[in-house]
């Protein structure tokens, strides 16, 4: 069974930091690109960052310079280190694994940034 389990969310003050984790199982993790998305209430899901199977990284302009995505293939885990958080970063953060037509999602972890 494919599983993506996000953790590490919480409540933080503006300017603070959090590290999210996405633990994967049930598929060949190191073959997949892994992405982080987020969805705020009443808004569309927004892409945040991606790390490819060869660890190339890509970021949305809104998080560039503040967020860092990384992966540990030995642990089947992807991380999202977030710093200088803004109230606008408040959302449910979801992990996505993609390889061709295969596309898996986690349930998400809530990040709330207070002003």
N, C-alpha and C. Protein backbone atom coordinates (compact mmCIF):
# COMPACT_ATOMS: atom_id res chain seq x y z
N UNK A 1 0.84 -1.19 0.00
CA UNK A 1 0.00 0.00 0.00
C UNK A 1 0.88 1.25 0.00
N UNK A 2 0.59 2.14 -0.92
CA UNK A 2 1.32 3.40 -1.00
C UNK A 2 0.88 4.33 0.13
N UNK A 3 1.85 4.88 0.82
CA UNK A 3 1.55 5.86 1.86
C UNK A 3 2.54 7.01 1.81
N UNK A 4 2.01 8.21 1.99
CA UNK A 4 2.81 9.41 2.20
C UNK A 4 2.26 10.05 3.47
N UNK A 5 3.11 10.19 4.46
CA UNK A 5 2.66 10.71 5.75
C UNK A 5 3.46 11.96 6.10
N UNK A 6 2.77 13.08 6.12
CA UNK A 6 3.41 14.35 6.46
C UNK A 6 3.37 14.57 7.98
N UNK A 7 4.38 15.26 8.46
CA UNK A 7 4.43 15.63 9.87
C UNK A 7 5.27 16.89 10.03
N UNK A 8 5.21 17.48 11.22
CA UNK A 8 6.04 18.63 11.52
C UNK A 8 5.33 19.96 11.49
N UNK A 9 4.07 19.95 11.10
CA UNK A 9 3.34 21.20 11.09
C UNK A 9 3.04 21.69 12.50
N UNK A 10 2.49 22.89 12.58
CA UNK A 10 2.15 23.45 13.88
C UNK A 10 1.90 24.92 13.80
N UNK A 11 1.84 25.53 14.97
CA UNK A 11 1.61 26.97 15.08
C UNK A 11 2.95 27.65 15.38
N UNK A 12 3.26 28.67 14.62
CA UNK A 12 4.52 29.39 14.79
C UNK A 12 4.28 30.87 14.56
N UNK A 13 5.06 31.70 15.21
CA UNK A 13 4.96 33.14 14.99
C UNK A 13 5.65 33.54 13.69
N UNK A 14 5.20 34.63 13.13
CA UNK A 14 5.85 35.16 11.94
C UNK A 14 7.35 35.35 12.20
N UNK A 15 8.13 34.96 11.21
CA UNK A 15 9.57 35.02 11.34
C UNK A 15 10.19 33.74 11.86
N UNK A 16 9.34 32.82 12.30
CA UNK A 16 9.82 31.56 12.84
C UNK A 16 10.12 30.53 11.77
N UNK A 17 10.46 29.33 12.24
CA UNK A 17 10.86 28.24 11.35
C UNK A 17 10.13 26.96 11.71
N UNK A 18 9.98 26.11 10.72
CA UNK A 18 9.45 24.76 10.90
C UNK A 18 10.14 23.85 9.89
N UNK A 19 10.20 22.57 10.25
CA UNK A 19 10.66 21.57 9.28
C UNK A 19 9.59 20.51 9.13
N UNK A 20 9.10 20.38 7.92
CA UNK A 20 8.12 19.36 7.60
C UNK A 20 8.82 18.11 7.08
N UNK A 21 8.22 16.97 7.36
CA UNK A 21 8.72 15.69 6.86
C UNK A 21 7.62 14.98 6.09
N UNK A 22 8.02 14.22 5.10
CA UNK A 22 7.10 13.39 4.33
C UNK A 22 7.72 12.00 4.26
N UNK A 23 7.14 11.07 4.99
CA UNK A 23 7.65 9.70 5.03
C UNK A 23 6.86 8.84 4.05
N UNK A 24 7.57 8.15 3.18
CA UNK A 24 6.93 7.40 2.10
C UNK A 24 7.14 5.90 2.28
N UNK A 25 6.17 5.16 1.78
CA UNK A 25 6.29 3.70 1.77
C UNK A 25 5.39 3.14 0.67
N UNK A 26 5.70 1.91 0.25
CA UNK A 26 4.84 1.24 -0.71
C UNK A 26 5.20 1.46 -2.16
N UNK A 27 6.28 2.18 -2.43
CA UNK A 27 6.74 2.36 -3.81
C UNK A 27 8.24 2.62 -3.78
N UNK A 28 8.84 2.61 -4.95
CA UNK A 28 10.30 2.77 -5.07
C UNK A 28 10.63 4.25 -4.97
N UNK A 29 10.81 4.68 -3.78
CA UNK A 29 10.91 6.11 -3.45
C UNK A 29 11.95 6.84 -4.28
N UNK A 30 13.13 6.26 -4.45
CA UNK A 30 14.21 7.02 -5.07
C UNK A 30 14.02 7.21 -6.58
N UNK A 31 13.00 6.61 -7.15
CA UNK A 31 12.70 6.82 -8.57
C UNK A 31 11.76 8.01 -8.80
N UNK A 32 11.18 8.51 -7.74
CA UNK A 32 10.11 9.50 -7.86
C UNK A 32 10.59 10.92 -7.59
N UNK A 33 10.00 11.87 -8.31
CA UNK A 33 10.09 13.27 -7.91
C UNK A 33 9.09 13.49 -6.79
N UNK A 34 9.51 14.25 -5.80
CA UNK A 34 8.65 14.53 -4.65
C UNK A 34 8.43 16.03 -4.57
N UNK A 35 7.19 16.41 -4.40
CA UNK A 35 6.86 17.82 -4.31
C UNK A 35 6.08 18.14 -3.06
N UNK A 36 6.18 19.39 -2.66
CA UNK A 36 5.32 19.93 -1.61
C UNK A 36 4.36 20.92 -2.24
N UNK A 37 3.11 20.81 -1.84
CA UNK A 37 2.06 21.73 -2.24
C UNK A 37 1.43 22.27 -0.96
N UNK A 38 0.66 23.32 -1.12
CA UNK A 38 -0.09 23.83 0.03
C UNK A 38 -1.45 24.34 -0.41
N UNK A 39 -2.37 24.30 0.53
CA UNK A 39 -3.72 24.78 0.23
C UNK A 39 -4.26 25.51 1.44
N UNK A 40 -4.55 26.77 1.22
CA UNK A 40 -5.15 27.60 2.26
C UNK A 40 -6.67 27.56 2.10
N UNK A 41 -7.41 27.83 3.17
CA UNK A 41 -8.88 27.80 3.09
C UNK A 41 -9.39 28.73 2.00
N UNK A 42 -10.26 28.21 1.15
CA UNK A 42 -10.86 29.01 0.11
C UNK A 42 -9.97 29.30 -1.07
N UNK A 43 -8.77 28.71 -1.09
CA UNK A 43 -7.83 28.95 -2.19
C UNK A 43 -7.50 27.65 -2.90
N UNK A 44 -7.00 27.78 -4.11
CA UNK A 44 -6.59 26.61 -4.87
C UNK A 44 -5.27 26.06 -4.32
N UNK A 45 -5.08 24.78 -4.59
CA UNK A 45 -3.82 24.15 -4.19
C UNK A 45 -2.67 24.81 -4.96
N UNK A 46 -1.59 25.08 -4.26
CA UNK A 46 -0.46 25.82 -4.82
C UNK A 46 0.81 24.99 -4.70
N UNK A 47 1.55 24.90 -5.77
CA UNK A 47 2.83 24.21 -5.74
C UNK A 47 3.85 25.04 -4.96
N UNK A 48 4.66 24.36 -4.15
CA UNK A 48 5.65 25.04 -3.31
C UNK A 48 7.07 24.72 -3.75
N UNK A 49 7.37 23.43 -3.87
CA UNK A 49 8.74 23.03 -4.19
C UNK A 49 8.75 21.59 -4.67
N UNK A 50 9.78 21.24 -5.43
CA UNK A 50 9.97 19.88 -5.93
C UNK A 50 11.43 19.50 -5.84
N UNK A 51 11.66 18.22 -5.54
CA UNK A 51 13.00 17.66 -5.64
C UNK A 51 12.91 16.43 -6.52
N UNK A 52 13.75 16.38 -7.54
CA UNK A 52 13.69 15.29 -8.50
C UNK A 52 14.46 14.07 -8.00
N UNK A 53 14.42 13.01 -8.78
CA UNK A 53 15.10 11.77 -8.40
C UNK A 53 16.62 11.97 -8.34
N UNK A 54 17.12 12.97 -9.06
CA UNK A 54 18.56 13.25 -9.00
C UNK A 54 18.84 14.46 -8.10
N UNK A 55 17.85 14.81 -7.28
CA UNK A 55 17.96 15.86 -6.27
C UNK A 55 18.12 17.27 -6.83
N UNK A 56 17.65 17.49 -8.06
CA UNK A 56 17.50 18.86 -8.53
C UNK A 56 16.31 19.47 -7.80
N UNK A 57 16.44 20.73 -7.41
CA UNK A 57 15.37 21.36 -6.65
C UNK A 57 14.80 22.56 -7.40
N UNK A 58 13.51 22.79 -7.16
CA UNK A 58 12.80 23.87 -7.81
C UNK A 58 11.82 24.46 -6.80
N UNK A 59 11.66 25.79 -6.86
CA UNK A 59 10.84 26.47 -5.86
C UNK A 59 9.89 27.47 -6.50
N UNK A 60 8.75 27.64 -5.88
CA UNK A 60 7.86 28.73 -6.25
C UNK A 60 8.52 30.05 -5.84
N UNK A 61 8.25 31.09 -6.60
CA UNK A 61 8.85 32.39 -6.29
C UNK A 61 8.52 32.85 -4.88
N UNK A 62 7.34 32.51 -4.42
CA UNK A 62 6.88 32.98 -3.11
C UNK A 62 7.68 32.41 -1.94
N UNK A 63 8.40 31.30 -2.17
CA UNK A 63 9.15 30.68 -1.08
C UNK A 63 10.66 30.64 -1.34
N UNK A 64 11.06 31.06 -2.53
CA UNK A 64 12.48 31.01 -2.90
C UNK A 64 13.31 31.83 -1.91
N UNK A 65 14.36 31.19 -1.41
CA UNK A 65 15.23 31.85 -0.44
C UNK A 65 14.80 31.64 1.01
N UNK A 66 13.59 31.13 1.22
CA UNK A 66 13.10 30.90 2.58
C UNK A 66 12.90 29.42 2.88
N UNK A 67 12.56 28.63 1.88
CA UNK A 67 12.29 27.21 2.05
C UNK A 67 13.38 26.40 1.34
N UNK A 68 13.70 25.26 1.92
CA UNK A 68 14.65 24.34 1.30
C UNK A 68 14.07 22.94 1.34
N UNK A 69 14.02 22.30 0.18
CA UNK A 69 13.54 20.92 0.09
C UNK A 69 14.74 20.00 -0.03
N UNK A 70 14.66 18.86 0.65
CA UNK A 70 15.75 17.88 0.60
C UNK A 70 15.16 16.49 0.73
N UNK A 71 15.97 15.49 0.40
CA UNK A 71 15.48 14.11 0.50
C UNK A 71 16.57 13.23 1.07
N UNK A 72 16.12 12.19 1.78
CA UNK A 72 17.00 11.16 2.31
C UNK A 72 16.46 9.84 1.80
N UNK A 73 17.04 9.34 0.74
CA UNK A 73 16.52 8.12 0.13
C UNK A 73 16.68 6.91 1.04
N UNK A 74 17.66 6.93 1.92
CA UNK A 74 17.84 5.82 2.86
C UNK A 74 16.68 5.73 3.84
N UNK A 75 16.04 6.87 4.09
CA UNK A 75 14.91 6.91 5.03
C UNK A 75 13.58 7.06 4.32
N UNK A 76 13.60 7.09 2.99
CA UNK A 76 12.36 7.30 2.21
C UNK A 76 11.60 8.53 2.71
N UNK A 77 12.34 9.59 2.91
CA UNK A 77 11.75 10.79 3.50
C UNK A 77 12.21 12.04 2.76
N UNK A 78 11.29 12.96 2.59
CA UNK A 78 11.58 14.28 2.05
C UNK A 78 11.27 15.31 3.13
N UNK A 79 12.08 16.35 3.16
CA UNK A 79 11.93 17.40 4.16
C UNK A 79 11.67 18.73 3.48
N UNK A 80 10.99 19.60 4.19
CA UNK A 80 10.83 20.99 3.76
C UNK A 80 11.20 21.86 4.95
N UNK A 81 12.37 22.44 4.89
CA UNK A 81 12.81 23.37 5.92
C UNK A 81 12.29 24.76 5.58
N UNK A 82 11.53 25.34 6.48
CA UNK A 82 10.91 26.63 6.23
C UNK A 82 11.40 27.64 7.27
N UNK A 83 11.82 28.80 6.80
CA UNK A 83 12.25 29.85 7.71
C UNK A 83 11.61 31.17 7.30
N UNK A 84 11.76 32.18 8.17
CA UNK A 84 11.17 33.49 7.89
C UNK A 84 9.70 33.36 7.48
N UNK A 85 8.99 32.56 8.22
CA UNK A 85 7.60 32.28 7.87
C UNK A 85 6.74 33.52 7.97
N UNK A 86 5.76 33.58 7.08
CA UNK A 86 4.83 34.69 6.98
C UNK A 86 3.41 34.19 7.24
N UNK A 87 2.52 35.07 7.68
CA UNK A 87 1.12 34.65 7.80
C UNK A 87 0.57 34.09 6.49
N UNK A 88 1.06 34.59 5.38
CA UNK A 88 0.61 34.10 4.07
C UNK A 88 1.04 32.65 3.80
N UNK A 89 1.95 32.12 4.61
CA UNK A 89 2.36 30.72 4.46
C UNK A 89 1.40 29.76 5.15
N UNK A 90 0.42 30.29 5.86
CA UNK A 90 -0.55 29.46 6.55
C UNK A 90 -1.34 28.62 5.55
N UNK A 91 -1.32 27.30 5.75
CA UNK A 91 -2.00 26.39 4.83
C UNK A 91 -1.83 24.96 5.32
N UNK A 92 -2.55 24.07 4.69
CA UNK A 92 -2.25 22.64 4.82
C UNK A 92 -1.18 22.31 3.78
N UNK A 93 -0.11 21.70 4.23
CA UNK A 93 1.00 21.34 3.34
C UNK A 93 0.91 19.85 3.02
N UNK A 94 0.93 19.57 1.73
CA UNK A 94 0.77 18.20 1.26
C UNK A 94 1.99 17.76 0.46
N UNK A 95 2.30 16.50 0.60
CA UNK A 95 3.40 15.87 -0.08
C UNK A 95 2.86 15.11 -1.30
N UNK A 96 3.60 15.17 -2.40
CA UNK A 96 3.19 14.50 -3.63
C UNK A 96 4.37 13.74 -4.22
N UNK A 97 4.11 12.51 -4.65
CA UNK A 97 5.14 11.70 -5.32
C UNK A 97 4.67 11.43 -6.74
N UNK A 98 5.58 11.66 -7.68
CA UNK A 98 5.16 11.55 -9.08
C UNK A 98 6.23 10.84 -9.90
N UNK A 99 5.76 9.90 -10.75
CA UNK A 99 6.63 9.24 -11.73
C UNK A 99 5.75 8.90 -12.92
N UNK A 100 5.90 9.65 -13.99
CA UNK A 100 5.04 9.43 -15.14
C UNK A 100 3.59 9.59 -14.75
N UNK A 101 2.75 8.58 -15.07
CA UNK A 101 1.34 8.67 -14.73
C UNK A 101 1.03 8.37 -13.27
N UNK A 102 2.00 7.87 -12.54
CA UNK A 102 1.79 7.55 -11.12
C UNK A 102 1.90 8.82 -10.29
N UNK A 103 0.91 9.04 -9.46
CA UNK A 103 0.81 10.31 -8.75
C UNK A 103 0.16 10.03 -7.41
N UNK A 104 0.91 10.22 -6.32
CA UNK A 104 0.40 9.89 -4.99
C UNK A 104 0.42 11.13 -4.11
N UNK A 105 -0.56 11.19 -3.20
CA UNK A 105 -0.69 12.34 -2.29
C UNK A 105 -0.78 11.87 -0.85
N UNK A 106 -0.25 12.68 0.02
CA UNK A 106 -0.46 12.49 1.45
C UNK A 106 -1.69 13.24 1.91
N UNK A 107 -1.96 13.16 3.22
CA UNK A 107 -3.14 13.79 3.79
C UNK A 107 -2.88 15.23 4.21
N UNK A 108 -1.63 15.57 4.41
CA UNK A 108 -1.30 16.95 4.73
C UNK A 108 -1.03 17.19 6.20
N UNK A 109 -0.33 18.29 6.45
CA UNK A 109 -0.07 18.74 7.81
C UNK A 109 -0.31 20.25 7.87
N UNK A 110 -0.96 20.69 8.93
CA UNK A 110 -1.36 22.10 9.03
C UNK A 110 -0.20 22.95 9.52
N UNK A 111 0.03 24.04 8.82
CA UNK A 111 1.00 25.06 9.25
C UNK A 111 0.23 26.36 9.44
N UNK A 112 0.34 26.92 10.63
CA UNK A 112 -0.32 28.18 10.93
C UNK A 112 0.72 29.16 11.43
N UNK A 113 0.78 30.31 10.76
CA UNK A 113 1.74 31.35 11.11
C UNK A 113 0.97 32.55 11.64
N UNK A 114 1.22 32.88 12.87
CA UNK A 114 0.52 34.00 13.49
C UNK A 114 1.32 35.28 13.32
N UNK A 115 0.59 36.39 13.21
CA UNK A 115 1.25 37.70 13.01
C UNK A 115 1.57 38.37 14.34
